Amino acid sequence: MVFSSLFFLYAFLPLCMIVYEVPKSLSGKNWILLGFSIFFYAWGEPFWIIQMLLSGSLVYLCGRLMDDSMRKRELFQSRFFLALGVFSALIPLLVFKYSDFFLENINALFSLSLPLTNFGLPIGISFYTFQIITYIVDLYRGECKVQKRLDYFLLYESFFPQLIAGPIVRYTDIEERLMARSVSMHDRAQGARRFVIGLAKKCLIANYAGSLVEELLAGGRLAQLSGLEALLGILAYTFQIYYDFSAYSDMAIGLGRLFGFRFLENFNYPYISKTVTEFWRRWHMSLGSFFRDYVYIPLGGNRKRHYLNLFITWFLTGFWHGASWNFILWGLYFFVFIVLEKIFLARILDRLPKFVSYLYMLPVIVFGWVLFYFTSLADIGLFCRRLFCLDGHAFLNLEGRLILKQNLLFFLIALVGSLPIIPALKKRVQKQYKPLDLYSSTAYVAYNSLIIFVLLLLSTASLAGSSYNPFLYFRF
């Protein structure tokens, strides 16, 4: 099941919100959310629900045993249960996501014919695996208390707003709200508003950008592209992946707030970044902070073997996204630029006008998405030849000009929406009219509600009239 579906919008979510209000106790409300979350996952993955619950249960058990060992000051046993918990969480991810990748490369390297497993990839396994790892590691570090109720822990693992495509929610972020929370009308209003904005970003911008990507870059048409068509295709993908993933994060944050949970932000206008380092502080922040706090810093951070630690971290960041060499190349691509920035490039950019940094970052980001989109290294090479006209063909052609003309307004809207222009304008207006308390006035509330209602109607119409509605990060 996906958020951007008519069934979710007008059946699952309303029913969940109604039934959620029936129990008076928090325990009953948590059971309702757990039941709906299991149904949400089982809607598309009825078989893999067993695996998800089993992984969570094993980590929960290891956490209980580790906490008991730590209370008895049995250091070896506590470390054993920590390792066992992390191991039991990672094994399904390694088996289902990476086993065929390793087998294919072993076959190619040693001229063997080992049979592939052809396992299906459980949706969301990369996200919920990292979530339950944060729990047992933070428990060992003393940053959270042991969760003694299995049902509460399974709710943390499987809570439907962030189950399938993040953001990666640490146990410490919602520990208190699992045990005690309330939902005000303001929470519901802000949660619904955030959800609808994310829905509109997905349905009205990401899906349209995705249709352009399909038209230009998919379907074996790559060899016939002009340079302009190749550029428009990768720019469309640049907007698609941002709007698609940030929209899901917006919807997850909004849904969480409807039920009293506060998830941290996952995107902060990454396309205004002036360096690669800044880009990764703004893009998929929950993933970046996970690798920083659970991989990079434990390896030694910048205290020892600095560049080796960076290499390992970015290798794993790329590999997390998919069992393919292009994702590893994508991760190491950012590693190279981060190292260059740490050595000298950041200092040079600081001395230059800001627009120079933007001119540096734009091609770096866009080419990074080339490596991310094409899983075949041969396709990456072919795309680059078409983009830079290395095969002797012209950059401009009639088809490319028509596509640009037809979609120029869309690209401008997508560009404006990816920049913090609207928040800056709202902040300026708020500052100017602060004595009038503009944002609590009846007129403003009515205007804002009307905008949200119109966005919901447009999104609904888009869903009803289109069959193209993928979420890119579901496959990771």
Protein backbone atom coordinates (compact mmCIF):
# COMPACT_ATOMS: atom_id res chain seq x y z
CA MET A 1 0.00 0.00 0.00
CA VAL A 2 1.24 3.50 -0.76
CA PHE A 3 0.23 6.86 0.70
CA SER A 4 -0.56 8.24 -2.75
CA SER A 5 -3.43 5.87 -3.44
CA LEU A 6 -7.17 6.42 -3.28
CA PHE A 7 -7.62 3.39 -1.01
CA PHE A 8 -5.15 4.76 1.54
CA LEU A 9 -6.54 8.30 1.39
CA TYR A 10 -10.24 7.54 1.60
CA ALA A 11 -10.43 4.15 3.31
CA PHE A 12 -7.38 3.06 5.29
CA LEU A 13 -6.38 6.38 6.87
CA PRO A 14 -9.89 7.58 7.86
CA LEU A 15 -10.72 4.18 9.34
CA CYS A 16 -7.43 4.10 11.24
CA MET A 17 -8.03 7.56 12.71
CA ILE A 18 -11.58 6.64 13.77
CA VAL A 19 -10.67 3.31 15.37
CA TYR A 20 -7.63 4.91 17.05
CA GLU A 21 -9.97 7.10 19.10
CA VAL A 22 -11.95 4.15 20.48
CA PRO A 23 -9.54 2.88 23.19
CA LYS A 24 -9.01 5.21 26.12
CA SER A 25 -5.68 3.75 27.22
CA LEU A 26 -2.41 4.39 25.42
CA SER A 27 -1.77 0.65 25.35
CA GLY A 28 -5.00 0.14 23.42
CA LYS A 29 -4.15 2.93 20.99
CA ASN A 30 -0.72 1.40 20.39
CA TRP A 31 -2.34 -1.95 19.67
CA ILE A 32 -4.61 -0.27 17.12
CA LEU A 33 -1.63 1.35 15.40
CA LEU A 34 0.30 -1.93 15.42
CA GLY A 35 -2.63 -3.80 13.89
CA PHE A 36 -3.13 -1.20 11.16
CA SER A 37 0.63 -1.09 10.49
CA ILE A 38 0.78 -4.86 10.03
CA PHE A 39 -2.22 -4.69 7.69
CA PHE A 40 -0.58 -1.80 5.80
CA TYR A 41 2.59 -3.84 5.19
CA ALA A 42 0.76 -7.10 4.52
CA TRP A 43 -1.35 -5.37 1.84
CA GLY A 44 1.64 -5.53 -0.50
CA GLU A 45 3.93 -7.99 1.28
CA PRO A 46 1.78 -10.65 3.06
CA PHE A 47 4.62 -13.18 3.19
CA TRP A 48 7.42 -10.86 4.33
CA ILE A 49 5.46 -9.58 7.31
CA ILE A 50 6.67 -12.70 9.16
CA GLN A 51 10.29 -11.83 8.45
CA MET A 52 9.88 -8.23 9.60
CA LEU A 53 8.21 -9.21 12.88
CA LEU A 54 10.76 -11.97 13.47
CA SER A 55 13.69 -9.56 13.00
CA GLY A 56 12.12 -7.11 15.42
CA SER A 57 11.40 -9.81 17.97
CA LEU A 58 14.98 -11.11 17.89
CA VAL A 59 16.43 -7.63 18.39
CA TYR A 60 13.93 -7.00 21.19
CA LEU A 61 15.00 -10.26 22.91
CA CYS A 62 18.68 -9.43 22.50
CA GLY A 63 17.99 -6.00 23.98
CA ARG A 64 16.34 -7.51 27.05
CA LEU A 65 19.20 -9.98 27.55
CA MET A 66 21.83 -7.29 26.96
CA ASP A 67 20.18 -4.93 29.44
CA ASP A 68 20.07 -7.69 32.04
CA SER A 69 23.78 -8.42 31.48
CA MET A 70 24.68 -4.75 31.77
CA ARG A 71 22.81 -4.49 35.06
CA LYS A 72 24.87 -7.43 36.35
CA ARG A 73 28.04 -5.75 34.96
CA GLU A 74 28.76 -8.75 32.76
CA LEU A 75 30.64 -6.90 30.02
CA PHE A 76 31.40 -9.88 27.77
CA GLN A 77 27.80 -11.09 27.75
CA SER A 78 26.40 -7.62 27.08
CA ARG A 79 28.74 -7.21 24.12
CA PHE A 80 27.79 -10.66 22.89
CA PHE A 81 24.08 -9.82 22.91
CA LEU A 82 24.82 -6.48 21.23
CA ALA A 83 26.68 -8.25 18.43
CA LEU A 84 23.96 -10.90 18.20
CA GLY A 85 21.26 -8.26 17.95
CA VAL A 86 23.04 -6.32 15.21
CA PHE A 87 23.89 -9.57 13.42
CA SER A 88 20.31 -10.87 13.55
CA ALA A 89 19.06 -7.55 12.14
CA LEU A 90 21.60 -7.44 9.31
CA ILE A 91 21.46 -11.06 8.15
CA PRO A 92 18.05 -10.80 6.42
CA LEU A 93 19.16 -7.59 4.70
CA LEU A 94 22.38 -9.22 3.48
CA VAL A 95 20.60 -12.38 2.32
CA PHE A 96 17.62 -10.87 0.54
CA LYS A 97 19.26 -7.77 -0.87
CA TYR A 98 22.88 -8.73 -1.58
CA SER A 99 23.20 -12.50 -1.98
CA ASP A 100 22.68 -12.49 -5.75
CA PHE A 101 25.08 -9.56 -6.16
CA PHE A 102 27.86 -11.52 -4.45
CA LEU A 103 27.02 -14.71 -6.38
CA GLU A 104 27.02 -12.89 -9.73
CA ASN A 105 30.42 -11.33 -9.03
CA ILE A 106 31.89 -14.62 -7.79
CA ASN A 107 30.65 -16.32 -10.97
CA ALA A 108 32.14 -13.57 -13.13
CA LEU A 109 35.46 -13.51 -11.25
CA PHE A 110 36.07 -17.26 -11.09
CA SER A 111 34.14 -18.38 -14.20
CA LEU A 112 31.66 -20.35 -12.10
CA SER A 113 27.96 -21.04 -12.55
CA LEU A 114 26.66 -20.88 -9.02
CA PRO A 115 22.84 -20.68 -9.06
CA LEU A 116 21.29 -17.38 -8.00
CA THR A 117 18.80 -17.27 -5.15
CA ASN A 118 16.37 -14.93 -6.96
CA PHE A 119 15.00 -13.82 -3.61
CA GLY A 120 12.42 -11.07 -3.69
CA LEU A 121 13.37 -7.94 -1.79
CA PRO A 122 11.05 -7.27 1.18
CA ILE A 123 9.79 -3.70 0.86
CA GLY A 124 11.32 -1.34 3.39
CA ILE A 125 13.86 -3.84 4.73
CA SER A 126 16.72 -1.33 4.43
CA PHE A 127 14.82 1.18 6.55
CA TYR A 128 13.39 -0.95 9.33
CA THR A 129 16.68 -2.86 9.66
CA PHE A 130 18.56 0.36 10.39
CA GLN A 131 15.85 1.47 12.81
CA ILE A 132 16.06 -1.58 15.03
CA ILE A 133 19.87 -1.37 14.92
CA THR A 134 19.71 2.15 16.36
CA TYR A 135 17.70 0.79 19.28
CA ILE A 136 20.09 -1.91 20.41
CA VAL A 137 23.21 0.22 19.84
CA ASP A 138 21.76 3.20 21.70
CA LEU A 139 20.62 0.87 24.47
CA TYR A 140 24.19 -0.41 24.82
CA ARG A 141 25.46 3.17 24.87
CA GLY A 142 23.02 4.04 27.65
CA GLU A 143 21.16 6.58 25.51
CA CYS A 144 17.75 4.96 25.95
CA LYS A 145 15.95 2.63 28.33
CA VAL A 146 15.18 -0.98 27.52
CA GLN A 147 11.73 -1.52 26.04
CA LYS A 148 10.08 -4.27 28.07
CA ARG A 149 6.93 -4.59 25.96
CA LEU A 150 7.30 -6.50 22.72
CA ASP A 151 4.17 -4.93 21.23
CA TYR A 152 5.53 -1.41 21.78
CA PHE A 153 8.84 -2.34 20.18
CA LEU A 154 7.14 -3.91 17.17
CA LEU A 155 5.07 -0.76 16.79
CA TYR A 156 8.29 1.25 16.71
CA GLU A 157 9.66 -1.04 14.00
CA SER A 158 6.52 -1.30 11.88
CA PHE A 159 4.68 2.03 12.37
CA PHE A 160 3.17 2.52 8.92
CA PRO A 161 4.02 6.22 8.30
CA GLN A 162 7.76 5.52 8.13
CA LEU A 163 7.85 1.74 7.60
CA ILE A 164 8.46 1.44 3.87
CA ALA A 165 10.63 4.39 2.83
CA GLY A 166 11.69 6.21 5.96
CA PRO A 167 12.74 8.54 7.32
CA ILE A 168 14.95 6.36 9.50
CA VAL A 169 13.49 7.03 12.96
CA ARG A 170 15.75 6.35 15.91
CA TYR A 171 14.24 4.77 18.97
CA THR A 172 15.51 7.67 21.09
CA ASP A 173 13.45 10.07 18.95
CA ILE A 174 10.10 8.49 19.85
CA GLU A 175 10.88 6.54 23.04
CA GLU A 176 8.88 8.89 25.27
CA ARG A 177 5.92 9.11 22.86
CA LEU A 178 5.59 5.34 22.76
CA MET A 179 4.99 5.47 26.50
CA ALA A 180 2.99 8.71 26.79
CA ARG A 181 1.56 11.12 24.23
CA SER A 182 -1.44 13.25 23.41
CA VAL A 183 -2.78 14.71 20.18
CA SER A 184 -4.18 18.23 20.05
CA MET A 185 -6.32 19.77 17.33
CA HIS A 186 -3.27 21.83 16.37
CA ASP A 187 -1.27 18.60 15.92
CA ARG A 188 -3.98 17.18 13.69
CA ALA A 189 -4.23 20.35 11.63
CA GLN A 190 -0.47 20.63 11.16
CA GLY A 191 -0.15 16.91 10.46
CA ALA A 192 -2.91 16.97 7.83
CA ARG A 193 -1.41 20.07 6.24
CA ARG A 194 2.06 18.52 6.03
CA PHE A 195 0.63 15.29 4.63
CA VAL A 196 -1.36 17.04 1.88
CA ILE A 197 1.63 19.17 0.87
CA GLY A 198 3.70 16.00 0.53
CA LEU A 199 0.88 14.32 -1.41
CA ALA A 200 0.73 17.26 -3.83
CA LYS A 201 4.50 17.20 -4.31
CA LYS A 202 4.27 13.52 -5.16
CA CYS A 203 1.19 13.55 -7.39
CA LEU A 204 1.58 16.89 -9.16
CA ILE A 205 5.35 17.23 -9.55
CA ALA A 206 7.23 13.97 -8.88
CA ASN A 207 4.89 11.82 -10.99
CA TYR A 208 4.98 14.27 -13.89
CA ALA A 209 8.78 14.45 -13.72
CA GLY A 210 8.83 10.65 -13.63
CA SER A 211 6.74 10.44 -16.80
CA LEU A 212 9.30 12.67 -18.54
CA VAL A 213 12.11 10.44 -17.31
CA GLU A 214 10.30 7.38 -18.66
CA GLU A 215 9.76 9.12 -22.00
CA LEU A 216 13.36 10.26 -22.39
CA LEU A 217 15.64 7.81 -20.58
CA ALA A 218 13.79 4.49 -20.41
CA GLY A 219 12.55 2.03 -22.98
CA GLY A 220 15.74 1.54 -24.98
CA ARG A 221 15.61 5.04 -26.46
CA LEU A 222 18.95 6.09 -25.00
CA ALA A 223 20.97 5.60 -28.18
CA GLN A 224 18.66 7.93 -30.14
CA LEU A 225 18.78 10.88 -27.73
CA SER A 226 20.13 14.27 -28.68
CA GLY A 227 22.26 16.13 -26.17
CA LEU A 228 19.33 18.36 -25.21
CA GLU A 229 17.00 15.40 -24.69
CA ALA A 230 19.59 13.70 -22.49
CA LEU A 231 20.00 16.89 -20.45
CA LEU A 232 16.24 17.33 -20.05
CA GLY A 233 15.89 13.67 -19.03
CA ILE A 234 18.47 13.84 -16.26
CA LEU A 235 17.16 17.22 -15.06
CA ALA A 236 13.69 15.67 -14.87
CA TYR A 237 15.16 12.83 -12.80
CA THR A 238 16.93 15.36 -10.58
CA PHE A 239 13.55 16.85 -9.73
CA GLN A 240 11.73 13.51 -9.62
CA ILE A 241 13.96 11.93 -7.01
CA TYR A 242 13.90 15.03 -4.81
CA TYR A 243 10.15 15.54 -4.96
CA ASP A 244 9.39 11.82 -4.75
CA PHE A 245 11.46 11.13 -1.67
CA SER A 246 10.95 14.44 0.12
CA ALA A 247 7.20 14.07 -0.53
CA TYR A 248 7.20 10.66 1.16
CA SER A 249 9.10 12.14 4.10
CA ASP A 250 6.60 15.01 4.32
CA MET A 251 3.70 12.57 4.32
CA ALA A 252 5.39 10.36 6.93
CA ILE A 253 6.06 13.34 9.21
CA GLY A 254 2.49 14.56 8.78
CA LEU A 255 0.98 11.13 9.46
CA GLY A 256 3.14 10.68 12.53
CA ARG A 257 1.91 13.97 13.94
CA LEU A 258 -1.72 12.91 13.42
CA PHE A 259 -1.07 10.21 16.03
CA GLY A 260 1.11 12.24 18.38
CA PHE A 261 4.59 11.34 17.07
CA ARG A 262 7.19 13.93 16.06
CA PHE A 263 9.61 12.69 13.42
CA LEU A 264 12.72 14.71 12.61
CA GLU A 265 13.06 16.47 9.28
CA ASN A 266 14.64 14.47 6.47
CA PHE A 267 15.23 17.16 3.80
CA ASN A 268 16.26 20.79 4.04
CA TYR A 269 16.35 22.18 0.49
CA PRO A 270 19.47 20.25 -0.57
CA TYR A 271 19.66 21.86 -4.01
CA ILE A 272 20.78 25.18 -2.52
CA SER A 273 23.95 23.54 -1.17
CA LYS A 274 27.29 25.13 -1.99
CA THR A 275 29.39 22.02 -1.27
CA VAL A 276 28.92 18.25 -1.34
CA THR A 277 29.42 18.21 2.42
CA GLU A 278 26.52 20.63 2.85
CA PHE A 279 24.42 18.68 0.36
CA TRP A 280 24.63 15.58 2.55
CA ARG A 281 23.66 17.60 5.60
CA ARG A 282 20.47 18.54 3.77
CA TRP A 283 19.64 15.39 1.75
CA HIS A 284 18.14 12.29 3.43
CA MET A 285 19.39 13.57 6.75
CA SER A 286 18.26 10.52 8.71
CA LEU A 287 20.44 8.25 6.57
CA GLY A 288 23.44 10.60 6.67
CA SER A 289 23.24 10.89 10.45
CA PHE A 290 22.90 7.09 10.77
CA PHE A 291 26.14 6.44 8.90
CA ARG A 292 27.85 9.25 10.78
CA ASP A 293 26.84 8.07 14.26
CA TYR A 294 26.85 4.28 13.76
CA VAL A 295 29.66 3.80 11.22
CA TYR A 296 31.95 6.82 10.74
CA ILE A 297 32.38 7.89 14.37
CA PRO A 298 32.74 4.32 15.78
CA LEU A 299 35.44 3.70 13.17
CA GLY A 300 37.37 6.64 14.58
CA GLY A 301 35.84 9.60 12.76
CA ASN A 302 38.42 12.27 12.03
CA ARG A 303 40.64 11.24 14.95
CA LYS A 304 42.43 8.39 13.20
CA ARG A 305 42.44 6.89 9.71
CA HIS A 306 40.22 9.79 8.68
CA TYR A 307 40.13 9.15 4.93
CA LEU A 308 39.83 5.39 5.31
CA ASN A 309 36.84 5.92 7.59
CA LEU A 310 35.30 8.24 5.00
CA PHE A 311 35.93 5.68 2.28
CA ILE A 312 34.24 2.88 4.23
CA THR A 313 31.31 5.12 5.16
CA TRP A 314 30.65 6.25 1.60
CA PHE A 315 31.18 2.78 0.17
CA LEU A 316 28.50 1.50 2.54
CA THR A 317 26.25 4.48 1.84
CA GLY A 318 26.29 3.67 -1.86
CA PHE A 319 25.93 -0.07 -1.27
CA TRP A 320 22.96 0.50 1.06
CA HIS A 321 21.03 1.99 -1.85
CA GLY A 322 21.29 -1.09 -4.00
CA ALA A 323 23.16 -4.28 -4.83
CA SER A 324 24.76 -2.90 -7.96
CA TRP A 325 28.13 -1.45 -8.88
CA ASN A 326 26.61 1.84 -10.01
CA PHE A 327 25.43 2.55 -6.44
CA ILE A 328 28.90 1.80 -5.07
CA LEU A 329 30.35 4.09 -7.74
CA TRP A 330 27.79 6.73 -6.76
CA GLY A 331 28.81 6.57 -3.10
CA LEU A 332 32.54 6.73 -3.90
CA TYR A 333 31.88 9.60 -6.30
CA PHE A 334 30.68 11.70 -3.36
CA PHE A 335 33.57 10.41 -1.25
CA VAL A 336 36.06 11.87 -3.76
CA PHE A 337 34.44 15.32 -3.70
CA ILE A 338 34.18 15.36 0.09
CA VAL A 339 37.87 14.52 0.39
CA LEU A 340 38.74 17.24 -2.14
CA GLU A 341 36.66 19.73 -0.18
CA LYS A 342 38.36 18.78 3.07
CA ILE A 343 41.83 19.08 1.55
CA PHE A 344 41.49 22.38 -0.33
CA LEU A 345 38.33 22.89 -2.37
CA ALA A 346 36.07 24.16 0.45
CA ARG A 347 38.61 26.84 1.40
CA ILE A 348 38.81 28.05 -2.20
CA LEU A 349 35.02 28.16 -2.56
CA ASP A 350 34.70 30.15 0.68
CA ARG A 351 36.80 32.94 -0.84
CA LEU A 352 34.77 33.12 -4.04
CA PRO A 353 31.29 34.61 -4.64
CA LYS A 354 28.42 32.29 -3.74
CA PHE A 355 27.28 31.87 -7.34
CA VAL A 356 30.59 30.11 -8.11
CA SER A 357 29.78 27.47 -5.49
CA TYR A 358 26.36 26.96 -7.03
CA LEU A 359 27.93 26.59 -10.49
CA TYR A 360 30.26 23.98 -9.00
CA MET A 361 27.51 22.04 -7.23
CA LEU A 362 24.93 21.92 -10.02
CA PRO A 363 26.89 19.64 -12.39
CA VAL A 364 28.22 17.60 -9.45
CA ILE A 365 24.70 16.83 -8.20
CA VAL A 366 23.22 16.22 -11.64
CA PHE A 367 26.00 13.87 -12.73
CA GLY A 368 25.64 12.06 -9.42
CA TRP A 369 22.07 11.25 -10.41
CA VAL A 370 23.35 9.85 -13.72
CA LEU A 371 25.35 7.30 -11.73
CA PHE A 372 22.33 6.65 -9.52
CA TYR A 373 19.74 6.21 -12.27
CA PHE A 374 21.54 3.88 -14.67
CA THR A 375 22.31 0.52 -13.09
CA SER A 376 24.38 -0.51 -16.12
CA LEU A 377 27.86 0.98 -16.45
CA ALA A 378 27.48 0.64 -20.22
CA ASP A 379 24.33 2.79 -20.09
CA ILE A 380 26.18 5.39 -18.04
CA GLY A 381 28.86 5.60 -20.73
CA LEU A 382 26.27 5.76 -23.53
CA PHE A 383 24.32 8.49 -21.76
CA CYS A 384 27.47 10.59 -21.29
CA ARG A 385 28.33 10.22 -24.97
CA ARG A 386 24.85 11.39 -25.94
CA LEU A 387 24.85 14.24 -23.42
CA PHE A 388 28.24 15.61 -24.47
CA CYS A 389 27.72 14.83 -28.18
CA LEU A 390 30.81 12.62 -28.32
CA ASP A 391 29.31 10.48 -31.10
CA GLY A 392 29.26 13.37 -33.53
CA HIS A 393 25.52 14.08 -33.28
CA ALA A 394 24.02 17.54 -32.74
CA PHE A 395 23.08 18.84 -29.30
CA LEU A 396 19.81 20.36 -30.56
CA ASN A 397 17.10 18.58 -32.51
CA LEU A 398 13.44 19.21 -33.20
CA GLU A 399 12.16 16.69 -30.62
CA GLY A 400 14.31 18.17 -27.89
CA ARG A 401 13.15 21.70 -28.63
CA LEU A 402 9.49 20.61 -28.54
CA ILE A 403 9.93 18.81 -25.22
CA LEU A 404 11.66 21.86 -23.74
CA LYS A 405 8.95 24.21 -25.01
CA GLN A 406 6.14 21.99 -23.72
CA ASN A 407 7.70 21.52 -20.29
CA LEU A 408 9.48 24.81 -19.62
CA LEU A 409 6.79 25.96 -17.17
CA PHE A 410 6.98 22.65 -15.31
CA PHE A 411 10.76 22.93 -14.92
CA LEU A 412 10.39 26.49 -13.60
CA ILE A 413 7.74 25.42 -11.07
CA ALA A 414 9.85 22.45 -9.98
CA LEU A 415 12.90 24.70 -9.60
CA VAL A 416 11.05 27.28 -7.50
CA GLY A 417 9.57 24.54 -5.30
CA SER A 418 12.98 23.01 -4.65
CA LEU A 419 14.34 26.33 -3.34
CA PRO A 420 13.38 28.01 -0.03
CA ILE A 421 11.73 30.92 -1.82
CA ILE A 422 8.20 30.48 -0.44
CA PRO A 423 9.37 29.99 3.21
CA ALA A 424 11.53 33.13 2.86
CA LEU A 425 8.56 35.15 1.60
CA LYS A 426 6.33 33.83 4.39
CA LYS A 427 8.98 34.70 6.97
CA ARG A 428 9.25 38.23 5.60
CA VAL A 429 5.47 38.69 5.65
CA GLN A 430 5.26 37.27 9.17
CA LYS A 431 7.96 39.65 10.35
CA GLN A 432 6.25 42.64 8.75
CA TYR A 433 2.76 41.84 10.07
CA LYS A 434 3.74 40.31 13.40
CA PRO A 435 1.95 43.00 15.45
CA LEU A 436 -1.28 42.07 13.63
CA ASP A 437 -0.86 38.36 14.43
CA LEU A 438 -1.55 37.56 10.77
CA TYR A 439 -1.10 33.78 11.02
CA SER A 440 -3.75 33.32 13.69
CA SER A 441 -6.33 35.48 11.95
CA THR A 442 -9.54 33.91 10.68
CA ALA A 443 -8.84 35.11 7.13
CA TYR A 444 -5.43 33.48 7.01
CA VAL A 445 -6.68 30.19 8.50
CA ALA A 446 -9.49 30.11 5.93
CA TYR A 447 -7.12 30.93 3.07
CA ASN A 448 -4.61 28.31 4.17
CA SER A 449 -7.36 25.69 4.55
CA LEU A 450 -8.64 26.49 1.07
CA ILE A 451 -5.18 26.00 -0.44
CA ILE A 452 -4.79 22.63 1.29
CA PHE A 453 -8.27 21.55 0.16
CA VAL A 454 -7.50 22.51 -3.45
CA LEU A 455 -4.19 20.61 -3.34
CA LEU A 456 -6.02 17.55 -2.02
CA LEU A 457 -8.59 17.77 -4.83
CA LEU A 458 -5.91 18.17 -7.50
CA SER A 459 -3.92 15.27 -6.08
CA THR A 460 -7.01 13.08 -5.96
CA ALA A 461 -7.84 13.95 -9.57
CA SER A 462 -4.27 13.15 -10.58
CA LEU A 463 -4.42 9.75 -8.87
CA ALA A 464 -7.77 8.95 -10.44
CA GLY A 465 -6.57 9.84 -13.93
CA SER A 466 -3.07 8.38 -13.98
CA SER A 467 -1.59 4.92 -13.60
CA TYR A 468 2.00 6.19 -13.11
CA ASN A 469 2.58 6.38 -9.35
CA PRO A 470 5.82 4.73 -8.22
CA PHE A 471 7.85 5.58 -5.13
CA LEU A 472 11.52 5.44 -6.08
CA TYR A 473 12.87 4.58 -2.63
CA PHE A 474 10.60 1.54 -2.25
CA ARG A 475 13.24 -0.49 -4.11
CA PHE A 476 15.95 0.41 -1.63
